[in-house]
Amino acid sequence: MEVANSRSDGQRPSMGQDIRKGRRTETDYINGLVARRGEELGIDVTCHRRVNDVIKCIEKGELTPSPDLLPGIVS
């Protein structure tokens, strides 16, 4: 938390930079991998799937990044 709190508002994680610049993210290799492996082990990975699905929709221009998307991910 110390590192996160030390960042300025102008700093963005790489995925946020990719989304802002209209580039594809690495979400399939991060959240997608976690979801696939979790499913193989019988673990509920619903949240990882939802995150991955929302990011893919943002990449395709079907959704605009917004905190308003969060309830659809965590519900």
C-alpha atoms as a PDB file:
ATOM      1  CA  MET A   1       0.000   0.000   0.000  1.00  0.00           C
ATOM      2  CA  GLU A   2       2.916   2.321   0.679  1.00  0.00           C
ATOM      3  CA  VAL A   3       4.036   2.066  -2.958  1.00  0.00           C
ATOM      4  CA  ALA A   4       0.494   2.511  -4.265  1.00  0.00           C
ATOM      5  CA  ASN A   5      -0.077   5.553  -2.078  1.00  0.00           C
ATOM      6  CA  SER A   6       3.193   7.110  -3.207  1.00  0.00           C
ATOM      7  CA  ARG A   7       2.135   7.274  -6.860  1.00  0.00           C
ATOM      8  CA  SER A   8       0.895  10.493  -8.374  1.00  0.00           C
ATOM      9  CA  ASP A   9      -2.405  10.806 -10.224  1.00  0.00           C
ATOM     10  CA  GLY A  10      -0.428  11.013 -13.476  1.00  0.00           C
ATOM     11  CA  GLN A  11       1.090   7.565 -13.063  1.00  0.00           C
ATOM     12  CA  ARG A  12      -0.725   4.596 -14.563  1.00  0.00           C
ATOM     13  CA  PRO A  13      -0.054   0.853 -14.444  1.00  0.00           C
ATOM     14  CA  SER A  14       0.897  -0.593 -17.838  1.00  0.00           C
ATOM     15  CA  MET A  15      -2.589  -2.013 -18.448  1.00  0.00           C
ATOM     16  CA  GLY A  16      -4.101   1.421 -17.825  1.00  0.00           C
ATOM     17  CA  GLN A  17      -1.607   2.951 -20.250  1.00  0.00           C
ATOM     18  CA  ASP A  18      -2.495   0.345 -22.884  1.00  0.00           C
ATOM     19  CA  ILE A  19      -6.222   1.020 -22.505  1.00  0.00           C
ATOM     20  CA  ARG A  20      -5.748   4.799 -22.716  1.00  0.00           C
ATOM     21  CA  LYS A  21      -3.696   4.422 -25.905  1.00  0.00           C
ATOM     22  CA  GLY A  22      -6.115   1.949 -27.509  1.00  0.00           C
ATOM     23  CA  ARG A  23      -3.630  -0.928 -27.388  1.00  0.00           C
ATOM     24  CA  ARG A  24      -4.424  -4.524 -26.548  1.00  0.00           C
ATOM     25  CA  THR A  25      -3.616  -5.463 -22.980  1.00  0.00           C
ATOM     26  CA  GLU A  26      -2.004  -8.578 -21.567  1.00  0.00           C
ATOM     27  CA  THR A  27      -5.184  -9.531 -19.713  1.00  0.00           C
ATOM     28  CA  ASP A  28      -5.488 -12.922 -21.436  1.00  0.00           C
ATOM     29  CA  TYR A  29      -2.035 -13.779 -20.173  1.00  0.00           C
ATOM     30  CA  ILE A  30      -2.743 -12.581 -16.639  1.00  0.00           C
ATOM     31  CA  ASN A  31      -6.426 -12.831 -15.616  1.00  0.00           C
ATOM     32  CA  GLY A  32      -7.187 -15.283 -18.406  1.00  0.00           C
ATOM     33  CA  LEU A  33      -4.403 -17.597 -17.261  1.00  0.00           C
ATOM     34  CA  VAL A  34      -5.508 -17.374 -13.626  1.00  0.00           C
ATOM     35  CA  ALA A  35      -9.068 -18.207 -14.685  1.00  0.00           C
ATOM     36  CA  ARG A  36      -8.029 -21.157 -16.853  1.00  0.00           C
ATOM     37  CA  ARG A  37      -5.771 -22.647 -14.190  1.00  0.00           C
ATOM     38  CA  GLY A  38      -8.301 -22.065 -11.442  1.00  0.00           C
ATOM     39  CA  GLU A  39     -11.001 -23.810 -13.447  1.00  0.00           C
ATOM     40  CA  GLU A  40      -8.668 -26.783 -13.961  1.00  0.00           C
ATOM     41  CA  LEU A  41      -8.356 -27.005 -10.173  1.00  0.00           C
ATOM     42  CA  GLY A  42     -12.076 -26.568  -9.523  1.00  0.00           C
ATOM     43  CA  ILE A  43     -11.690 -23.062  -8.037  1.00  0.00           C
ATOM     44  CA  ASP A  44     -14.376 -20.413  -8.526  1.00  0.00           C
ATOM     45  CA  VAL A  45     -12.787 -17.885 -10.887  1.00  0.00           C
ATOM     46  CA  THR A  46     -15.908 -15.904 -11.716  1.00  0.00           C
ATOM     47  CA  CYS A  47     -14.310 -12.567 -10.815  1.00  0.00           C
ATOM     48  CA  HIS A  48     -11.229 -13.233 -12.963  1.00  0.00           C
ATOM     49  CA  ARG A  49     -13.473 -14.207 -15.887  1.00  0.00           C
ATOM     50  CA  ARG A  50     -15.547 -11.042 -15.497  1.00  0.00           C
ATOM     51  CA  VAL A  51     -12.458  -8.810 -15.316  1.00  0.00           C
ATOM     52  CA  ASN A  52     -11.079 -10.457 -18.432  1.00  0.00           C
ATOM     53  CA  ASP A  53     -14.399 -10.142 -20.290  1.00  0.00           C
ATOM     54  CA  VAL A  54     -14.824  -6.452 -19.395  1.00  0.00           C
ATOM     55  CA  ILE A  55     -11.280  -5.598 -20.476  1.00  0.00           C
ATOM     56  CA  LYS A  56     -11.794  -7.396 -23.798  1.00  0.00           C
ATOM     57  CA  CYS A  57     -14.974  -5.343 -24.365  1.00  0.00           C
ATOM     58  CA  ILE A  58     -13.066  -2.151 -23.572  1.00  0.00           C
ATOM     59  CA  GLU A  59     -10.335  -3.147 -26.033  1.00  0.00           C
ATOM     60  CA  LYS A  60     -12.980  -3.691 -28.758  1.00  0.00           C
ATOM     61  CA  GLY A  61     -14.567  -0.305 -28.045  1.00  0.00           C
ATOM     62  CA  GLU A  62     -17.798  -1.874 -26.796  1.00  0.00           C
ATOM     63  CA  LEU A  63     -17.356  -0.362 -23.304  1.00  0.00           C
ATOM     64  CA  THR A  64     -15.713   2.791 -21.996  1.00  0.00           C
ATOM     65  CA  PRO A  65     -13.463   2.426 -18.951  1.00  0.00           C
ATOM     66  CA  SER A  66     -15.369   3.580 -15.897  1.00  0.00           C
ATOM     67  CA  PRO A  67     -15.725   2.806 -12.193  1.00  0.00           C
ATOM     68  CA  ASP A  68     -19.385   2.186 -13.074  1.00  0.00           C
ATOM     69  CA  LEU A  69     -18.309  -1.179 -14.557  1.00  0.00           C
ATOM     70  CA  LEU A  70     -17.171  -2.489 -11.177  1.00  0.00           C
ATOM     71  CA  PRO A  71     -20.578  -3.677  -9.876  1.00  0.00           C
ATOM     72  CA  GLY A  72     -20.919  -5.932 -12.923  1.00  0.00           C
ATOM     73  CA  ILE A  73     -17.569  -7.505 -12.114  1.00  0.00           C
ATOM     74  CA  VAL A  74     -17.913  -8.084  -8.390  1.00  0.00           C
ATOM     75  CA  SER A  75     -21.626  -8.884  -8.176  1.00  0.00           C
END
